[in-house]
Amino acid sequence: MKKQAEESKHDKFVRLAEARTNKIIDTLQLLGNCSNTSVYEYTQNEVEEIFQAIEQELREAKKKFTKVEPEKATRFSLSKRKR
């Protein structure tokens, strides 16, 4: 039996990112269905709490994709010190 070519890291990212993004979109659409006031009752404060929680998680997830270069440490030298 011949082994299939292994999936590249990028192909794996695309496959998983698309599936997970579509799952999030579907879930947000379901959440939007809760806005129907003929079926549900809610306060504006509850709505704000929901979206604050979602926005916080979105910010945290986005931070993980931001590549921040760590600050380079200054080289230590005794010769540069004043006596």
PDB file of N, CA and C in Angstrom:
ATOM      1  N   MET A   1       0.844  -1.179   0.000  1.00  0.00           N
ATOM      2  CA  MET A   1       0.000   0.000   0.000  1.00  0.00           C
ATOM      3  C   MET A   1       0.886   1.238   0.000  1.00  0.00           C
ATOM      4  N   LYS A   2       0.617   2.144  -0.940  1.00  0.00           N
ATOM      5  CA  LYS A   2       1.429   3.341  -1.099  1.00  0.00           C
ATOM      6  C   LYS A   2       0.935   4.443  -0.147  1.00  0.00           C
ATOM      7  N   LYS A   3       1.872   5.060   0.566  1.00  0.00           N
ATOM      8  CA  LYS A   3       1.528   6.123   1.511  1.00  0.00           C
ATOM      9  C   LYS A   3       1.221   7.411   0.744  1.00  0.00           C
ATOM     10  N   GLN A   4       0.083   8.051   1.095  1.00  0.00           N
ATOM     11  CA  GLN A   4      -0.280   9.315   0.455  1.00  0.00           C
ATOM     12  C   GLN A   4       0.718  10.389   0.846  1.00  0.00           C
ATOM     13  N   ALA A   5       0.896  11.364  -0.047  1.00  0.00           N
ATOM     14  CA  ALA A   5       1.771  12.486   0.272  1.00  0.00           C
ATOM     15  C   ALA A   5       1.219  13.175   1.510  1.00  0.00           C
ATOM     16  N   GLU A   6       2.110  13.504   2.434  1.00  0.00           N
ATOM     17  CA  GLU A   6       1.663  14.143   3.659  1.00  0.00           C
ATOM     18  C   GLU A   6       1.188  15.565   3.388  1.00  0.00           C
ATOM     19  N   GLU A   7       0.205  15.972   4.133  1.00  0.00           N
ATOM     20  CA  GLU A   7      -0.360  17.307   4.017  1.00  0.00           C
ATOM     21  C   GLU A   7       0.669  18.323   4.516  1.00  0.00           C
ATOM     22  N   SER A   8       0.864  19.395   3.743  1.00  0.00           N
ATOM     23  CA  SER A   8       1.815  20.421   4.167  1.00  0.00           C
ATOM     24  C   SER A   8       1.226  21.199   5.347  1.00  0.00           C
ATOM     25  N   LYS A   9       2.088  21.899   6.059  1.00  0.00           N
ATOM     26  CA  LYS A   9       1.630  22.707   7.192  1.00  0.00           C
ATOM     27  C   LYS A   9       0.627  23.765   6.730  1.00  0.00           C
ATOM     28  N   HIS A  10       0.901  24.363   5.561  1.00  0.00           N
ATOM     29  CA  HIS A  10      -0.008  25.393   5.057  1.00  0.00           C
ATOM     30  C   HIS A  10      -1.348  24.793   4.663  1.00  0.00           C
ATOM     31  N   ASP A  11      -1.318  23.653   3.985  1.00  0.00           N
ATOM     32  CA  ASP A  11      -2.567  23.000   3.587  1.00  0.00           C
ATOM     33  C   ASP A  11      -3.389  22.627   4.821  1.00  0.00           C
ATOM     34  N   LYS A  12      -2.715  22.157   5.851  1.00  0.00           N
ATOM     35  CA  LYS A  12      -3.396  21.794   7.094  1.00  0.00           C
ATOM     36  C   LYS A  12      -4.012  23.044   7.726  1.00  0.00           C
ATOM     37  N   PHE A  13      -3.250  24.160   7.727  1.00  0.00           N
ATOM     38  CA  PHE A  13      -3.769  25.421   8.264  1.00  0.00           C
ATOM     39  C   PHE A  13      -5.023  25.843   7.505  1.00  0.00           C
ATOM     40  N   VAL A  14      -4.942  25.834   6.181  1.00  0.00           N
ATOM     41  CA  VAL A  14      -6.081  26.266   5.359  1.00  0.00           C
ATOM     42  C   VAL A  14      -7.303  25.389   5.648  1.00  0.00           C
ATOM     43  N   ARG A  15      -7.103  24.091   5.686  1.00  0.00           N
ATOM     44  CA  ARG A  15      -8.220  23.162   5.919  1.00  0.00           C
ATOM     45  C   ARG A  15      -8.868  23.435   7.278  1.00  0.00           C
ATOM     46  N   LEU A  16      -8.056  23.517   8.322  1.00  0.00           N
ATOM     47  CA  LEU A  16      -8.602  23.713   9.661  1.00  0.00           C
ATOM     48  C   LEU A  16      -9.148  25.122   9.866  1.00  0.00           C
ATOM     49  N   ALA A  17      -8.435  26.141   9.362  1.00  0.00           N
ATOM     50  CA  ALA A  17      -8.884  27.521   9.539  1.00  0.00           C
ATOM     51  C   ALA A  17     -10.224  27.754   8.840  1.00  0.00           C
ATOM     52  N   GLU A  18     -10.377  27.214   7.644  1.00  0.00           N
ATOM     53  CA  GLU A  18     -11.647  27.375   6.931  1.00  0.00           C
ATOM     54  C   GLU A  18     -12.784  26.699   7.695  1.00  0.00           C
ATOM     55  N   ALA A  19     -12.556  25.482   8.138  1.00  0.00           N
ATOM     56  CA  ALA A  19     -13.610  24.745   8.848  1.00  0.00           C
ATOM     57  C   ALA A  19     -13.978  25.441  10.158  1.00  0.00           C
ATOM     58  N   ARG A  20     -12.967  25.882  10.904  1.00  0.00           N
ATOM     59  CA  ARG A  20     -13.229  26.516  12.194  1.00  0.00           C
ATOM     60  C   ARG A  20     -13.855  27.897  12.029  1.00  0.00           C
ATOM     61  N   THR A  21     -13.438  28.635  11.007  1.00  0.00           N
ATOM     62  CA  THR A  21     -14.026  29.951  10.761  1.00  0.00           C
ATOM     63  C   THR A  21     -15.483  29.800  10.361  1.00  0.00           C
ATOM     64  N   ASN A  22     -15.778  28.842   9.489  1.00  0.00           N
ATOM     65  CA  ASN A  22     -17.167  28.625   9.083  1.00  0.00           C
ATOM     66  C   ASN A  22     -18.027  28.171  10.257  1.00  0.00           C
ATOM     67  N   LYS A  23     -17.447  27.394  11.160  1.00  0.00           N
ATOM     68  CA  LYS A  23     -18.181  26.960  12.358  1.00  0.00           C
ATOM     69  C   LYS A  23     -18.517  28.169  13.235  1.00  0.00           C
ATOM     70  N   ILE A  24     -17.566  29.091  13.384  1.00  0.00           N
ATOM     71  CA  ILE A  24     -17.797  30.306  14.174  1.00  0.00           C
ATOM     72  C   ILE A  24     -18.884  31.152  13.521  1.00  0.00           C
ATOM     73  N   ILE A  25     -18.808  31.314  12.197  1.00  0.00           N
ATOM     74  CA  ILE A  25     -19.810  32.097  11.471  1.00  0.00           C
ATOM     75  C   ILE A  25     -21.195  31.484  11.653  1.00  0.00           C
ATOM     76  N   ASP A  26     -21.296  30.164  11.507  1.00  0.00           N
ATOM     77  CA  ASP A  26     -22.580  29.483  11.695  1.00  0.00           C
ATOM     78  C   ASP A  26     -23.128  29.710  13.103  1.00  0.00           C
ATOM     79  N   THR A  27     -22.251  29.628  14.102  1.00  0.00           N
ATOM     80  CA  THR A  27     -22.672  29.809  15.487  1.00  0.00           C
ATOM     81  C   THR A  27     -23.114  31.242  15.750  1.00  0.00           C
ATOM     82  N   LEU A  28     -22.402  32.221  15.160  1.00  0.00           N
ATOM     83  CA  LEU A  28     -22.815  33.614  15.302  1.00  0.00           C
ATOM     84  C   LEU A  28     -24.184  33.855  14.652  1.00  0.00           C
ATOM     85  N   GLN A  29     -24.425  33.198  13.533  1.00  0.00           N
ATOM     86  CA  GLN A  29     -25.731  33.323  12.892  1.00  0.00           C
ATOM     87  C   GLN A  29     -26.826  32.733  13.778  1.00  0.00           C
ATOM     88  N   LEU A  30     -26.519  31.625  14.433  1.00  0.00           N
ATOM     89  CA  LEU A  30     -27.476  31.042  15.373  1.00  0.00           C
ATOM     90  C   LEU A  30     -27.729  31.978  16.545  1.00  0.00           C
ATOM     91  N   LEU A  31     -26.675  32.603  17.046  1.00  0.00           N
ATOM     92  CA  LEU A  31     -26.828  33.567  18.129  1.00  0.00           C
ATOM     93  C   LEU A  31     -27.725  34.716  17.681  1.00  0.00           C
ATOM     94  N   GLY A  32     -27.528  35.174  16.449  1.00  0.00           N
ATOM     95  CA  GLY A  32     -28.363  36.243  15.910  1.00  0.00           C
ATOM     96  C   GLY A  32     -29.841  35.886  15.899  1.00  0.00           C
ATOM     97  N   ASN A  33     -30.150  34.614  15.777  1.00  0.00           N
ATOM     98  CA  ASN A  33     -31.551  34.177  15.817  1.00  0.00           C
ATOM     99  C   ASN A  33     -32.197  34.489  17.167  1.00  0.00           C
ATOM    100  N   CYS A  34     -31.375  34.599  18.207  1.00  0.00           N
ATOM    101  CA  CYS A  34     -31.898  34.906  19.543  1.00  0.00           C
ATOM    102  C   CYS A  34     -32.400  36.344  19.654  1.00  0.00           C
ATOM    103  N   SER A  35     -32.198  37.147  18.623  1.00  0.00           N
ATOM    104  CA  SER A  35     -32.652  38.540  18.655  1.00  0.00           C
ATOM    105  C   SER A  35     -34.151  38.664  18.372  1.00  0.00           C
ATOM    106  N   ASN A  36     -34.771  37.589  17.986  1.00  0.00           N
ATOM    107  CA  ASN A  36     -36.193  37.599  17.644  1.00  0.00           C
ATOM    108  C   ASN A  36     -37.031  37.794  18.917  1.00  0.00           C
ATOM    109  N   THR A  37     -37.553  39.025  19.086  1.00  0.00           N
ATOM    110  CA  THR A  37     -38.272  39.350  20.323  1.00  0.00           C
ATOM    111  C   THR A  37     -39.666  38.725  20.408  1.00  0.00           C
ATOM    112  N   SER A  38     -40.153  38.117  19.327  1.00  0.00           N
ATOM    113  CA  SER A  38     -41.435  37.418  19.423  1.00  0.00           C
ATOM    114  C   SER A  38     -41.241  36.037  20.063  1.00  0.00           C
ATOM    115  N   VAL A  39     -39.972  35.607  20.160  1.00  0.00           N
ATOM    116  CA  VAL A  39     -39.670  34.305  20.753  1.00  0.00           C
ATOM    117  C   VAL A  39     -38.850  34.451  22.040  1.00  0.00           C
ATOM    118  N   TYR A  40     -38.018  35.479  22.102  1.00  0.00           N
ATOM    119  CA  TYR A  40     -37.085  35.648  23.221  1.00  0.00           C
ATOM    120  C   TYR A  40     -37.248  37.009  23.874  1.00  0.00           C
ATOM    121  N   GLU A  41     -36.847  37.065  25.136  1.00  0.00           N
ATOM    122  CA  GLU A  41     -36.847  38.325  25.875  1.00  0.00           C
ATOM    123  C   GLU A  41     -35.455  38.504  26.478  1.00  0.00           C
ATOM    124  N   TYR A  42     -34.908  39.705  26.321  1.00  0.00           N
ATOM    125  CA  TYR A  42     -33.565  39.983  26.826  1.00  0.00           C
ATOM    126  C   TYR A  42     -33.420  41.467  27.069  1.00  0.00           C
ATOM    127  N   THR A  43     -32.393  41.805  27.862  1.00  0.00           N
ATOM    128  CA  THR A  43     -32.117  43.220  28.117  1.00  0.00           C
ATOM    129  C   THR A  43     -30.929  43.655  27.265  1.00  0.00           C
ATOM    130  N   GLN A  44     -30.819  44.962  27.080  1.00  0.00           N
ATOM    131  CA  GLN A  44     -29.680  45.491  26.327  1.00  0.00           C
ATOM    132  C   GLN A  44     -28.377  45.182  27.065  1.00  0.00           C
ATOM    133  N   ASN A  45     -28.425  45.180  28.394  1.00  0.00           N
ATOM    134  CA  ASN A  45     -27.254  44.849  29.193  1.00  0.00           C
ATOM    135  C   ASN A  45     -26.791  43.416  28.916  1.00  0.00           C
ATOM    136  N   GLU A  46     -27.714  42.495  28.796  1.00  0.00           N
ATOM    137  CA  GLU A  46     -27.361  41.104  28.489  1.00  0.00           C
ATOM    138  C   GLU A  46     -26.701  41.006  27.113  1.00  0.00           C
ATOM    139  N   VAL A  47     -27.246  41.757  26.152  1.00  0.00           N
ATOM    140  CA  VAL A  47     -26.672  41.765  24.805  1.00  0.00           C
ATOM    141  C   VAL A  47     -25.244  42.303  24.853  1.00  0.00           C
ATOM    142  N   GLU A  48     -25.035  43.399  25.592  1.00  0.00           N
ATOM    143  CA  GLU A  48     -23.693  43.980  25.722  1.00  0.00           C
ATOM    144  C   GLU A  48     -22.725  42.993  26.347  1.00  0.00           C
ATOM    145  N   GLU A  49     -23.155  42.275  27.378  1.00  0.00           N
ATOM    146  CA  GLU A  49     -22.297  41.279  28.027  1.00  0.00           C
ATOM    147  C   GLU A  49     -21.889  40.171  27.051  1.00  0.00           C
ATOM    148  N   ILE A  50     -22.845  39.713  26.262  1.00  0.00           N
ATOM    149  CA  ILE A  50     -22.570  38.655  25.281  1.00  0.00           C
ATOM    150  C   ILE A  50     -21.504  39.119  24.293  1.00  0.00           C
ATOM    151  N   PHE A  51     -21.699  40.310  23.723  1.00  0.00           N
ATOM    152  CA  PHE A  51     -20.779  40.767  22.690  1.00  0.00           C
ATOM    153  C   PHE A  51     -19.434  41.218  23.250  1.00  0.00           C
ATOM    154  N   GLN A  52     -19.413  41.685  24.486  1.00  0.00           N
ATOM    155  CA  GLN A  52     -18.123  41.982  25.121  1.00  0.00           C
ATOM    156  C   GLN A  52     -17.307  40.703  25.280  1.00  0.00           C
ATOM    157  N   ALA A  53     -17.963  39.624  25.690  1.00  0.00           N
ATOM    158  CA  ALA A  53     -17.265  38.344  25.854  1.00  0.00           C
ATOM    159  C   ALA A  53     -16.740  37.831  24.512  1.00  0.00           C
ATOM    160  N   ILE A  54     -17.556  37.932  23.480  1.00  0.00           N
ATOM    161  CA  ILE A  54     -17.145  37.479  22.144  1.00  0.00           C
ATOM    162  C   ILE A  54     -15.986  38.336  21.625  1.00  0.00           C
ATOM    163  N   GLU A  55     -16.104  39.652  21.787  1.00  0.00           N
ATOM    164  CA  GLU A  55     -15.056  40.555  21.301  1.00  0.00           C
ATOM    165  C   GLU A  55     -13.747  40.338  22.051  1.00  0.00           C
ATOM    166  N   GLN A  56     -13.817  40.042  23.349  1.00  0.00           N
ATOM    167  CA  GLN A  56     -12.600  39.772  24.124  1.00  0.00           C
ATOM    168  C   GLN A  56     -11.894  38.511  23.599  1.00  0.00           C
ATOM    169  N   GLU A  57     -12.655  37.466  23.357  1.00  0.00           N
ATOM    170  CA  GLU A  57     -12.062  36.238  22.823  1.00  0.00           C
ATOM    171  C   GLU A  57     -11.504  36.448  21.429  1.00  0.00           C
ATOM    172  N   LEU A  58     -12.169  37.265  20.641  1.00  0.00           N
ATOM    173  CA  LEU A  58     -11.685  37.582  19.299  1.00  0.00           C
ATOM    174  C   LEU A  58     -10.348  38.311  19.372  1.00  0.00           C
ATOM    175  N   ARG A  59     -10.241  39.289  20.289  1.00  0.00           N
ATOM    176  CA  ARG A  59      -8.968  40.004  20.468  1.00  0.00           C
ATOM    177  C   ARG A  59      -7.853  39.046  20.902  1.00  0.00           C
ATOM    178  N   GLU A  60      -8.162  38.143  21.820  1.00  0.00           N
ATOM    179  CA  GLU A  60      -7.159  37.188  22.302  1.00  0.00           C
ATOM    180  C   GLU A  60      -6.696  36.267  21.172  1.00  0.00           C
ATOM    181  N   ALA A  61      -7.625  35.782  20.367  1.00  0.00           N
ATOM    182  CA  ALA A  61      -7.268  34.907  19.255  1.00  0.00           C
ATOM    183  C   ALA A  61      -6.414  35.658  18.238  1.00  0.00           C
ATOM    184  N   LYS A  62      -6.778  36.911  17.960  1.00  0.00           N
ATOM    185  CA  LYS A  62      -6.037  37.709  16.981  1.00  0.00           C
ATOM    186  C   LYS A  62      -4.615  37.981  17.461  1.00  0.00           C
ATOM    187  N   LYS A  63      -4.449  38.206  18.763  1.00  0.00           N
ATOM    188  CA  LYS A  63      -3.114  38.441  19.332  1.00  0.00           C
ATOM    189  C   LYS A  63      -2.181  37.269  19.043  1.00  0.00           C
ATOM    190  N   LYS A  64      -2.722  36.064  19.068  1.00  0.00           N
ATOM    191  CA  LYS A  64      -1.904  34.873  18.835  1.00  0.00           C
ATOM    192  C   LYS A  64      -1.328  34.838  17.426  1.00  0.00           C
ATOM    193  N   PHE A  65      -1.966  35.533  16.486  1.00  0.00           N
ATOM    194  CA  PHE A  65      -1.495  35.562  15.105  1.00  0.00           C
ATOM    195  C   PHE A  65      -0.554  36.728  14.841  1.00  0.00           C
ATOM    196  N   THR A  66      -0.395  37.604  15.823  1.00  0.00           N
ATOM    197  CA  THR A  66       0.475  38.762  15.664  1.00  0.00           C
ATOM    198  C   THR A  66       1.872  38.389  16.116  1.00  0.00           C
ATOM    199  N   LYS A  67       2.782  38.434  15.187  1.00  0.00           N
ATOM    200  CA  LYS A  67       4.174  38.091  15.494  1.00  0.00           C
ATOM    201  C   LYS A  67       4.872  39.338  16.008  1.00  0.00           C
ATOM    202  N   VAL A  68       5.176  39.336  17.275  1.00  0.00           N
ATOM    203  CA  VAL A  68       5.857  40.479  17.876  1.00  0.00           C
ATOM    204  C   VAL A  68       7.288  40.064  18.174  1.00  0.00           C
ATOM    205  N   GLU A  69       8.206  40.822  17.624  1.00  0.00           N
ATOM    206  CA  GLU A  69       9.616  40.540  17.872  1.00  0.00           C
ATOM    207  C   GLU A  69       9.955  40.958  19.299  1.00  0.00           C
ATOM    208  N   PRO A  70      10.570  40.053  20.066  1.00  0.00           N
ATOM    209  CA  PRO A  70      10.963  40.449  21.414  1.00  0.00           C
ATOM    210  C   PRO A  70      12.047  41.521  21.354  1.00  0.00           C
ATOM    211  N   GLU A  71      12.017  42.421  22.327  1.00  0.00           N
ATOM    212  CA  GLU A  71      13.027  43.471  22.353  1.00  0.00           C
ATOM    213  C   GLU A  71      14.391  42.843  22.586  1.00  0.00           C
ATOM    214  N   LYS A  72      15.354  43.315  21.843  1.00  0.00           N
ATOM    215  CA  LYS A  72      16.706  42.789  22.001  1.00  0.00           C
ATOM    216  C   LYS A  72      17.324  43.395  23.255  1.00  0.00           C
ATOM    217  N   ALA A  73      17.931  42.546  24.036  1.00  0.00           N
ATOM    218  CA  ALA A  73      18.557  43.004  25.270  1.00  0.00           C
ATOM    219  C   ALA A  73      19.811  43.809  24.935  1.00  0.00           C
ATOM    220  N   THR A  74      20.012  44.869  25.685  1.00  0.00           N
ATOM    221  CA  THR A  74      21.217  45.668  25.508  1.00  0.00           C
ATOM    222  C   THR A  74      22.394  44.860  26.037  1.00  0.00           C
ATOM    223  N   ARG A  75      23.477  44.910  25.329  1.00  0.00           N
ATOM    224  CA  ARG A  75      24.670  44.171  25.766  1.00  0.00           C
ATOM    225  C   ARG A  75      25.226  44.809  27.029  1.00  0.00           C
ATOM    226  N   PHE A  76      25.576  43.986  27.962  1.00  0.00           N
ATOM    227  CA  PHE A  76      26.156  44.457  29.218  1.00  0.00           C
ATOM    228  C   PHE A  76      27.645  44.692  29.036  1.00  0.00           C
ATOM    229  N   SER A  77      28.120  45.790  29.593  1.00  0.00           N
ATOM    230  CA  SER A  77      29.547  46.076  29.535  1.00  0.00           C
ATOM    231  C   SER A  77      29.938  46.919  30.738  1.00  0.00           C
ATOM    232  N   LEU A  78      30.918  46.462  31.471  1.00  0.00           N
ATOM    233  CA  LEU A  78      31.416  47.243  32.599  1.00  0.00           C
ATOM    234  C   LEU A  78      32.216  48.446  32.129  1.00  0.00           C
ATOM    235  N   SER A  79      32.817  48.351  30.971  1.00  0.00           N
ATOM    236  CA  SER A  79      33.652  49.440  30.482  1.00  0.00           C
ATOM    237  C   SER A  79      32.841  50.691  30.149  1.00  0.00           C
ATOM    238  N   LYS A  80      31.545  50.558  29.940  1.00  0.00           N
ATOM    239  CA  LYS A  80      30.708  51.709  29.606  1.00  0.00           C
ATOM    240  C   LYS A  80      30.221  52.423  30.853  1.00  0.00           C
ATOM    241  N   ARG A  81      30.396  51.844  32.008  1.00  0.00           N
ATOM    242  CA  ARG A  81      29.940  52.450  33.268  1.00  0.00           C
ATOM    243  C   ARG A  81      30.892  53.560  33.686  1.00  0.00           C
ATOM    244  N   LYS A  82      30.309  54.602  34.231  1.00  0.00           N
ATOM    245  CA  LYS A  82      31.144  55.688  34.771  1.00  0.00           C
ATOM    246  C   LYS A  82      31.504  55.359  36.203  1.00  0.00           C
ATOM    247  N   ARG A  83      32.720  55.714  36.597  1.00  0.00           N
ATOM    248  CA  ARG A  83      33.144  55.421  37.970  1.00  0.00           C
ATOM    249  C   ARG A  83      33.186  56.644  38.806  1.00  0.00           C
TER     250      ARG A  83
END
